[in-house]
Structures are given as C-alpha cells and as structure tokens.
Amino acid sequence: EGIGPKIDDLLRIHGVESFVQLAQLHVDDLLDLLERGGPNFRLANPANWAEQALLAAENRWSELRKLQAGMIGDVRRAD
C-alpha cells in the first residue's frame, strides 16, 4: 500500500528490487530516496512499507491484506 509504479521505478533505480531489500530499509532511508526523486514524491508516506514488504517476503499474505485493510491510503487507521 502506498507504492505505485513511479515509486516502484524510483526504488528500482536506487537498487531496491525485492521485498527483502525493501523490508531492510529504515524509514529515514526511504524518505531520503523519495527526497531524491523530487517534489512529486515528497507526499508519499513510507512509514509502513518495510513492514508490508517483510510480510510479503515471508509469504504472510493474509496478514498483509489485514494490515492493508486497516489502512487509509498508506496510513494505519486509528482504532
């Protein structure tokens, strides 16, 4: 959730080509990559990307869908 085709391209340009690689990145690293992408990327919120990528890398698809269902856009809903 939160990564569309343009952000996917940006990540790949910077060597992030797998869920495992994405899961290992800290939010600050992701923010830096987005900053390098220019002003159109600054609105993205990478707070949950590594968590989602870890679930995908570990084939925990039902947990990933549950996490994403509890999000509005790319932000977790407050309960």
PDB file of N, CA and C in Angstrom:
ATOM      1  N   GLU A   1       0.866  -1.177   0.000  1.00  0.00           N
ATOM      2  CA  GLU A   1       0.000   0.000   0.000  1.00  0.00           C
ATOM      3  C   GLU A   1       0.901   1.225   0.000  1.00  0.00           C
ATOM      4  N   GLY A   2       0.660   2.137  -0.934  1.00  0.00           N
ATOM      5  CA  GLY A   2       1.417   3.379  -0.958  1.00  0.00           C
ATOM      6  C   GLY A   2       2.521   3.422  -1.997  1.00  0.00           C
ATOM      7  N   ILE A   3       2.817   2.290  -2.648  1.00  0.00           N
ATOM      8  CA  ILE A   3       3.860   2.262  -3.664  1.00  0.00           C
ATOM      9  C   ILE A   3       3.206   2.001  -5.011  1.00  0.00           C
ATOM     10  N   GLY A   4       3.206   3.034  -5.827  1.00  0.00           N
ATOM     11  CA  GLY A   4       2.675   2.902  -7.176  1.00  0.00           C
ATOM     12  C   GLY A   4       3.812   2.716  -8.172  1.00  0.00           C
ATOM     13  N   PRO A   5       3.497   2.742  -9.454  1.00  0.00           N
ATOM     14  CA  PRO A   5       4.509   2.495 -10.479  1.00  0.00           C
ATOM     15  C   PRO A   5       5.685   3.469 -10.454  1.00  0.00           C
ATOM     16  N   LYS A   6       5.423   4.734 -10.196  1.00  0.00           N
ATOM     17  CA  LYS A   6       6.520   5.718 -10.203  1.00  0.00           C
ATOM     18  C   LYS A   6       7.462   5.515  -9.015  1.00  0.00           C
ATOM     19  N   ILE A   7       6.903   5.230  -7.845  1.00  0.00           N
ATOM     20  CA  ILE A   7       7.755   4.975  -6.678  1.00  0.00           C
ATOM     21  C   ILE A   7       8.486   3.654  -6.860  1.00  0.00           C
ATOM     22  N   ASP A   8       7.821   2.667  -7.439  1.00  0.00           N
ATOM     23  CA  ASP A   8       8.484   1.399  -7.743  1.00  0.00           C
ATOM     24  C   ASP A   8       9.688   1.647  -8.649  1.00  0.00           C
ATOM     25  N   ASP A   9       9.516   2.457  -9.682  1.00  0.00           N
ATOM     26  CA  ASP A   9      10.638   2.788 -10.571  1.00  0.00           C
ATOM     27  C   ASP A   9      11.755   3.475  -9.809  1.00  0.00           C
ATOM     28  N   LEU A  10      11.405   4.425  -8.944  1.00  0.00           N
ATOM     29  CA  LEU A  10      12.405   5.145  -8.153  1.00  0.00           C
ATOM     30  C   LEU A  10      13.180   4.192  -7.259  1.00  0.00           C
ATOM     31  N   LEU A  11      12.477   3.287  -6.593  1.00  0.00           N
ATOM     32  CA  LEU A  11      13.153   2.314  -5.734  1.00  0.00           C
ATOM     33  C   LEU A  11      14.105   1.447  -6.553  1.00  0.00           C
ATOM     34  N   ARG A  12      13.653   0.976  -7.697  1.00  0.00           N
ATOM     35  CA  ARG A  12      14.495   0.123  -8.552  1.00  0.00           C
ATOM     36  C   ARG A  12      15.731   0.863  -9.048  1.00  0.00           C
ATOM     37  N   ILE A  13      15.566   2.141  -9.399  1.00  0.00           N
ATOM     38  CA  ILE A  13      16.713   2.953  -9.831  1.00  0.00           C
ATOM     39  C   ILE A  13      17.774   2.987  -8.742  1.00  0.00           C
ATOM     40  N   HIS A  14      17.331   2.966  -7.489  1.00  0.00           N
ATOM     41  CA  HIS A  14      18.256   3.028  -6.353  1.00  0.00           C
ATOM     42  C   HIS A  14      18.578   1.641  -5.799  1.00  0.00           C
ATOM     43  N   GLY A  15      18.318   0.613  -6.588  1.00  0.00           N
ATOM     44  CA  GLY A  15      18.763  -0.732  -6.234  1.00  0.00           C
ATOM     45  C   GLY A  15      17.838  -1.548  -5.364  1.00  0.00           C
ATOM     46  N   VAL A  16      16.646  -1.048  -5.092  1.00  0.00           N
ATOM     47  CA  VAL A  16      15.684  -1.789  -4.272  1.00  0.00           C
ATOM     48  C   VAL A  16      14.776  -2.550  -5.234  1.00  0.00           C
ATOM     49  N   GLU A  17      15.028  -3.859  -5.366  1.00  0.00           N
ATOM     50  CA  GLU A  17      14.323  -4.648  -6.368  1.00  0.00           C
ATOM     51  C   GLU A  17      13.557  -5.830  -5.784  1.00  0.00           C
ATOM     52  N   SER A  18      13.519  -5.944  -4.469  1.00  0.00           N
ATOM     53  CA  SER A  18      12.810  -7.078  -3.876  1.00  0.00           C
ATOM     54  C   SER A  18      12.139  -6.658  -2.569  1.00  0.00           C
ATOM     55  N   PHE A  19      11.177  -7.476  -2.154  1.00  0.00           N
ATOM     56  CA  PHE A  19      10.529  -7.237  -0.866  1.00  0.00           C
ATOM     57  C   PHE A  19      11.556  -7.312   0.260  1.00  0.00           C
ATOM     58  N   VAL A  20      12.495  -8.236   0.160  1.00  0.00           N
ATOM     59  CA  VAL A  20      13.517  -8.396   1.204  1.00  0.00           C
ATOM     60  C   VAL A  20      14.337  -7.121   1.336  1.00  0.00           C
ATOM     61  N   GLN A  21      14.763  -6.570   0.204  1.00  0.00           N
ATOM     62  CA  GLN A  21      15.548  -5.334   0.244  1.00  0.00           C
ATOM     63  C   GLN A  21      14.735  -4.182   0.832  1.00  0.00           C
ATOM     64  N   LEU A  22      13.488  -4.080   0.437  1.00  0.00           N
ATOM     65  CA  LEU A  22      12.631  -3.014   0.955  1.00  0.00           C
ATOM     66  C   LEU A  22      12.404  -3.183   2.453  1.00  0.00           C
ATOM     67  N   ALA A  23      12.223  -4.415   2.903  1.00  0.00           N
ATOM     68  CA  ALA A  23      11.984  -4.684   4.321  1.00  0.00           C
ATOM     69  C   ALA A  23      13.170  -4.276   5.189  1.00  0.00           C
ATOM     70  N   GLN A  24      14.354  -4.241   4.612  1.00  0.00           N
ATOM     71  CA  GLN A  24      15.559  -3.924   5.377  1.00  0.00           C
ATOM     72  C   GLN A  24      15.833  -2.428   5.483  1.00  0.00           C
ATOM     73  N   LEU A  25      15.063  -1.632   4.758  1.00  0.00           N
ATOM     74  CA  LEU A  25      15.297  -0.187   4.783  1.00  0.00           C
ATOM     75  C   LEU A  25      14.575   0.486   5.946  1.00  0.00           C
ATOM     76  N   HIS A  26      15.245   1.418   6.550  1.00  0.00           N
ATOM     77  CA  HIS A  26      14.672   2.241   7.613  1.00  0.00           C
ATOM     78  C   HIS A  26      13.852   3.358   6.970  1.00  0.00           C
ATOM     79  N   VAL A  27      12.870   3.842   7.680  1.00  0.00           N
ATOM     80  CA  VAL A  27      12.014   4.921   7.168  1.00  0.00           C
ATOM     81  C   VAL A  27      12.850   6.106   6.710  1.00  0.00           C
ATOM     82  N   ASP A  28      13.895   6.467   7.452  1.00  0.00           N
ATOM     83  CA  ASP A  28      14.735   7.598   7.059  1.00  0.00           C
ATOM     84  C   ASP A  28      15.399   7.359   5.708  1.00  0.00           C
ATOM     85  N   ASP A  29      15.816   6.109   5.438  1.00  0.00           N
ATOM     86  CA  ASP A  29      16.411   5.775   4.138  1.00  0.00           C
ATOM     87  C   ASP A  29      15.379   5.949   3.023  1.00  0.00           C
ATOM     88  N   LEU A  30      14.158   5.506   3.288  1.00  0.00           N
ATOM     89  CA  LEU A  30      13.095   5.646   2.296  1.00  0.00           C
ATOM     90  C   LEU A  30      12.752   7.114   2.054  1.00  0.00           C
ATOM     91  N   LEU A  31      12.701   7.894   3.118  1.00  0.00           N
ATOM     92  CA  LEU A  31      12.445   9.329   2.965  1.00  0.00           C
ATOM     93  C   LEU A  31      13.535   9.995   2.135  1.00  0.00           C
ATOM     94  N   ASP A  32      14.785   9.571   2.332  1.00  0.00           N
ATOM     95  CA  ASP A  32      15.898  10.103   1.555  1.00  0.00           C
ATOM     96  C   ASP A  32      15.732   9.766   0.071  1.00  0.00           C
ATOM     97  N   LEU A  33      15.354   8.520  -0.216  1.00  0.00           N
ATOM     98  CA  LEU A  33      15.131   8.133  -1.608  1.00  0.00           C
ATOM     99  C   LEU A  33      14.007   8.957  -2.241  1.00  0.00           C
ATOM    100  N   LEU A  34      12.929   9.143  -1.505  1.00  0.00           N
ATOM    101  CA  LEU A  34      11.812   9.939  -2.006  1.00  0.00           C
ATOM    102  C   LEU A  34      12.237  11.382  -2.242  1.00  0.00           C
ATOM    103  N   GLU A  35      13.037  11.919  -1.351  1.00  0.00           N
ATOM    104  CA  GLU A  35      13.534  13.292  -1.500  1.00  0.00           C
ATOM    105  C   GLU A  35      14.361  13.417  -2.783  1.00  0.00           C
ATOM    106  N   ARG A  36      15.180  12.413  -3.042  1.00  0.00           N
ATOM    107  CA  ARG A  36      15.994  12.420  -4.261  1.00  0.00           C
ATOM    108  C   ARG A  36      15.129  12.347  -5.517  1.00  0.00           C
ATOM    109  N   GLY A  37      13.937  11.784  -5.388  1.00  0.00           N
ATOM    110  CA  GLY A  37      13.037  11.668  -6.526  1.00  0.00           C
ATOM    111  C   GLY A  37      12.410  12.986  -6.941  1.00  0.00           C
ATOM    112  N   GLY A  38      12.425  13.948  -6.053  1.00  0.00           N
ATOM    113  CA  GLY A  38      11.870  15.257  -6.387  1.00  0.00           C
ATOM    114  C   GLY A  38      10.566  15.537  -5.672  1.00  0.00           C
ATOM    115  N   PRO A  39       9.996  16.706  -5.931  1.00  0.00           N
ATOM    116  CA  PRO A  39       8.828  17.167  -5.176  1.00  0.00           C
ATOM    117  C   PRO A  39       7.595  16.285  -5.314  1.00  0.00           C
ATOM    118  N   ASN A  40       7.423  15.611  -6.428  1.00  0.00           N
ATOM    119  CA  ASN A  40       6.242  14.762  -6.606  1.00  0.00           C
ATOM    120  C   ASN A  40       6.235  13.555  -5.679  1.00  0.00           C
ATOM    121  N   PHE A  41       7.384  13.185  -5.147  1.00  0.00           N
ATOM    122  CA  PHE A  41       7.487  12.009  -4.291  1.00  0.00           C
ATOM    123  C   PHE A  41       7.404  12.355  -2.802  1.00  0.00           C
ATOM    124  N   ARG A  42       7.455  13.621  -2.475  1.00  0.00           N
ATOM    125  CA  ARG A  42       7.502  14.033  -1.070  1.00  0.00           C
ATOM    126  C   ARG A  42       6.192  13.804  -0.319  1.00  0.00           C
ATOM    127  N   LEU A  43       5.107  13.588  -1.024  1.00  0.00           N
ATOM    128  CA  LEU A  43       3.823  13.355  -0.367  1.00  0.00           C
ATOM    129  C   LEU A  43       3.659  11.913   0.103  1.00  0.00           C
ATOM    130  N   ALA A  44       4.482  11.022  -0.412  1.00  0.00           N
ATOM    131  CA  ALA A  44       4.385   9.604  -0.048  1.00  0.00           C
ATOM    132  C   ALA A  44       4.786   9.397   1.408  1.00  0.00           C
ATOM    133  N   ASN A  45       4.143   8.444   2.056  1.00  0.00           N
ATOM    134  CA  ASN A  45       4.424   8.133   3.457  1.00  0.00           C
ATOM    135  C   ASN A  45       4.940   6.693   3.553  1.00  0.00           C
ATOM    136  N   PRO A  46       6.269   6.510   3.718  1.00  0.00           N
ATOM    137  CA  PRO A  46       6.842   5.177   3.736  1.00  0.00           C
ATOM    138  C   PRO A  46       6.846   4.505   5.110  1.00  0.00           C
ATOM    139  N   ALA A  47       6.080   5.008   6.044  1.00  0.00           N
ATOM    140  CA  ALA A  47       6.128   4.505   7.421  1.00  0.00           C
ATOM    141  C   ALA A  47       5.874   3.005   7.527  1.00  0.00           C
ATOM    142  N   ASN A  48       5.018   2.450   6.674  1.00  0.00           N
ATOM    143  CA  ASN A  48       4.661   1.025   6.776  1.00  0.00           C
ATOM    144  C   ASN A  48       5.248   0.159   5.671  1.00  0.00           C
ATOM    145  N   TRP A  49       6.007   0.736   4.776  1.00  0.00           N
ATOM    146  CA  TRP A  49       6.477  -0.025   3.623  1.00  0.00           C
ATOM    147  C   TRP A  49       7.352  -1.201   4.018  1.00  0.00           C
ATOM    148  N   ALA A  50       8.282  -1.005   4.945  1.00  0.00           N
ATOM    149  CA  ALA A  50       9.173  -2.097   5.340  1.00  0.00           C
ATOM    150  C   ALA A  50       8.380  -3.226   6.003  1.00  0.00           C
ATOM    151  N   GLU A  51       7.427  -2.875   6.833  1.00  0.00           N
ATOM    152  CA  GLU A  51       6.592  -3.885   7.494  1.00  0.00           C
ATOM    153  C   GLU A  51       5.796  -4.681   6.463  1.00  0.00           C
ATOM    154  N   GLN A  52       5.204  -3.983   5.508  1.00  0.00           N
ATOM    155  CA  GLN A  52       4.451  -4.661   4.467  1.00  0.00           C
ATOM    156  C   GLN A  52       5.367  -5.552   3.617  1.00  0.00           C
ATOM    157  N   ALA A  53       6.534  -5.037   3.285  1.00  0.00           N
ATOM    158  CA  ALA A  53       7.480  -5.798   2.476  1.00  0.00           C
ATOM    159  C   ALA A  53       7.940  -7.058   3.200  1.00  0.00           C
ATOM    160  N   LEU A  54       8.147  -6.976   4.510  1.00  0.00           N
ATOM    161  CA  LEU A  54       8.553  -8.150   5.280  1.00  0.00           C
ATOM    162  C   LEU A  54       7.467  -9.224   5.239  1.00  0.00           C
ATOM    163  N   LEU A  55       6.227  -8.812   5.410  1.00  0.00           N
ATOM    164  CA  LEU A  55       5.117  -9.773   5.345  1.00  0.00           C
ATOM    165  C   LEU A  55       5.066 -10.430   3.964  1.00  0.00           C
ATOM    166  N   ALA A  56       5.254  -9.640   2.917  1.00  0.00           N
ATOM    167  CA  ALA A  56       5.245 -10.195   1.557  1.00  0.00           C
ATOM    168  C   ALA A  56       6.433 -11.125   1.344  1.00  0.00           C
ATOM    169  N   ALA A  57       7.606 -10.731   1.806  1.00  0.00           N
ATOM    170  CA  ALA A  57       8.804 -11.555   1.641  1.00  0.00           C
ATOM    171  C   ALA A  57       8.666 -12.894   2.352  1.00  0.00           C
ATOM    172  N   GLU A  58       7.935 -12.899   3.443  1.00  0.00           N
ATOM    173  CA  GLU A  58       7.733 -14.127   4.224  1.00  0.00           C
ATOM    174  C   GLU A  58       6.458 -14.870   3.813  1.00  0.00           C
ATOM    175  N   ASN A  59       5.850 -14.464   2.691  1.00  0.00           N
ATOM    176  CA  ASN A  59       4.616 -15.094   2.185  1.00  0.00           C
ATOM    177  C   ASN A  59       3.490 -15.094   3.218  1.00  0.00           C
ATOM    178  N   ARG A  60       3.414 -14.043   3.994  1.00  0.00           N
ATOM    179  CA  ARG A  60       2.352 -13.900   5.003  1.00  0.00           C
ATOM    180  C   ARG A  60       1.262 -12.986   4.434  1.00  0.00           C
ATOM    181  N   TRP A  61       0.671 -13.442   3.333  1.00  0.00           N
ATOM    182  CA  TRP A  61      -0.252 -12.633   2.551  1.00  0.00           C
ATOM    183  C   TRP A  61      -1.525 -12.280   3.310  1.00  0.00           C
ATOM    184  N   SER A  62      -2.064 -13.184   4.095  1.00  0.00           N
ATOM    185  CA  SER A  62      -3.299 -12.859   4.825  1.00  0.00           C
ATOM    186  C   SER A  62      -3.035 -11.766   5.865  1.00  0.00           C
ATOM    187  N   GLU A  63      -1.868 -11.800   6.502  1.00  0.00           N
ATOM    188  CA  GLU A  63      -1.523 -10.747   7.459  1.00  0.00           C
ATOM    189  C   GLU A  63      -1.315  -9.413   6.743  1.00  0.00           C
ATOM    190  N   LEU A  64      -0.714  -9.479   5.561  1.00  0.00           N
ATOM    191  CA  LEU A  64      -0.502  -8.266   4.775  1.00  0.00           C
ATOM    192  C   LEU A  64      -1.838  -7.658   4.368  1.00  0.00           C
ATOM    193  N   ARG A  65      -2.754  -8.492   3.884  1.00  0.00           N
ATOM    194  CA  ARG A  65      -4.076  -7.981   3.499  1.00  0.00           C
ATOM    195  C   ARG A  65      -4.803  -7.376   4.695  1.00  0.00           C
ATOM    196  N   LYS A  66      -4.662  -8.008   5.855  1.00  0.00           N
ATOM    197  CA  LYS A  66      -5.305  -7.479   7.067  1.00  0.00           C
ATOM    198  C   LYS A  66      -4.705  -6.123   7.435  1.00  0.00           C
ATOM    199  N   LEU A  67      -3.396  -6.018   7.373  1.00  0.00           N
ATOM    200  CA  LEU A  67      -2.726  -4.745   7.660  1.00  0.00           C
ATOM    201  C   LEU A  67      -3.203  -3.674   6.685  1.00  0.00           C
ATOM    202  N   GLN A  68      -3.221  -4.002   5.401  1.00  0.00           N
ATOM    203  CA  GLN A  68      -3.623  -3.032   4.391  1.00  0.00           C
ATOM    204  C   GLN A  68      -5.094  -2.653   4.514  1.00  0.00           C
ATOM    205  N   ALA A  69      -5.923  -3.603   4.912  1.00  0.00           N
ATOM    206  CA  ALA A  69      -7.353  -3.310   5.091  1.00  0.00           C
ATOM    207  C   ALA A  69      -7.561  -2.307   6.225  1.00  0.00           C
ATOM    208  N   GLY A  70      -6.636  -2.274   7.164  1.00  0.00           N
ATOM    209  CA  GLY A  70      -6.730  -1.362   8.292  1.00  0.00           C
ATOM    210  C   GLY A  70      -6.056  -0.021   8.033  1.00  0.00           C
ATOM    211  N   MET A  71      -5.778   0.256   6.761  1.00  0.00           N
ATOM    212  CA  MET A  71      -5.100   1.498   6.422  1.00  0.00           C
ATOM    213  C   MET A  71      -6.027   2.386   5.593  1.00  0.00           C
ATOM    214  N   ILE A  72      -5.814   3.666   5.709  1.00  0.00           N
ATOM    215  CA  ILE A  72      -6.458   4.648   4.847  1.00  0.00           C
ATOM    216  C   ILE A  72      -5.341   5.235   4.013  1.00  0.00           C
ATOM    217  N   GLY A  73      -5.379   4.981   2.714  1.00  0.00           N
ATOM    218  CA  GLY A  73      -4.240   5.365   1.880  1.00  0.00           C
ATOM    219  C   GLY A  73      -3.063   4.530   2.321  1.00  0.00           C
ATOM    220  N   ASP A  74      -1.993   5.160   2.748  1.00  0.00           N
ATOM    221  CA  ASP A  74      -0.846   4.415   3.233  1.00  0.00           C
ATOM    222  C   ASP A  74      -0.577   4.678   4.717  1.00  0.00           C
ATOM    223  N   VAL A  75      -1.649   5.030   5.453  1.00  0.00           N
ATOM    224  CA  VAL A  75      -1.530   5.295   6.885  1.00  0.00           C
ATOM    225  C   VAL A  75      -2.464   4.373   7.647  1.00  0.00           C
ATOM    226  N   ARG A  76      -1.959   3.796   8.726  1.00  0.00           N
ATOM    227  CA  ARG A  76      -2.768   2.919   9.561  1.00  0.00           C
ATOM    228  C   ARG A  76      -3.905   3.705  10.215  1.00  0.00           C
ATOM    229  N   ARG A  77      -5.086   3.121  10.185  1.00  0.00           N
ATOM    230  CA  ARG A  77      -6.250   3.769  10.822  1.00  0.00           C
ATOM    231  C   ARG A  77      -6.094   3.719  12.345  1.00  0.00           C
ATOM    232  N   ALA A  78      -6.535   4.763  13.005  1.00  0.00           N
ATOM    233  CA  ALA A  78      -6.560   4.759  14.469  1.00  0.00           C
ATOM    234  C   ALA A  78      -7.800   3.997  14.914  1.00  0.00           C
ATOM    235  N   ASP A  79      -7.642   3.139  15.884  1.00  0.00           N
ATOM    236  CA  ASP A  79      -8.793   2.360  16.406  1.00  0.00           C
ATOM    237  C   ASP A  79      -9.541   3.115  17.464  1.00  0.00           C
TER     238      ASP A  79
END
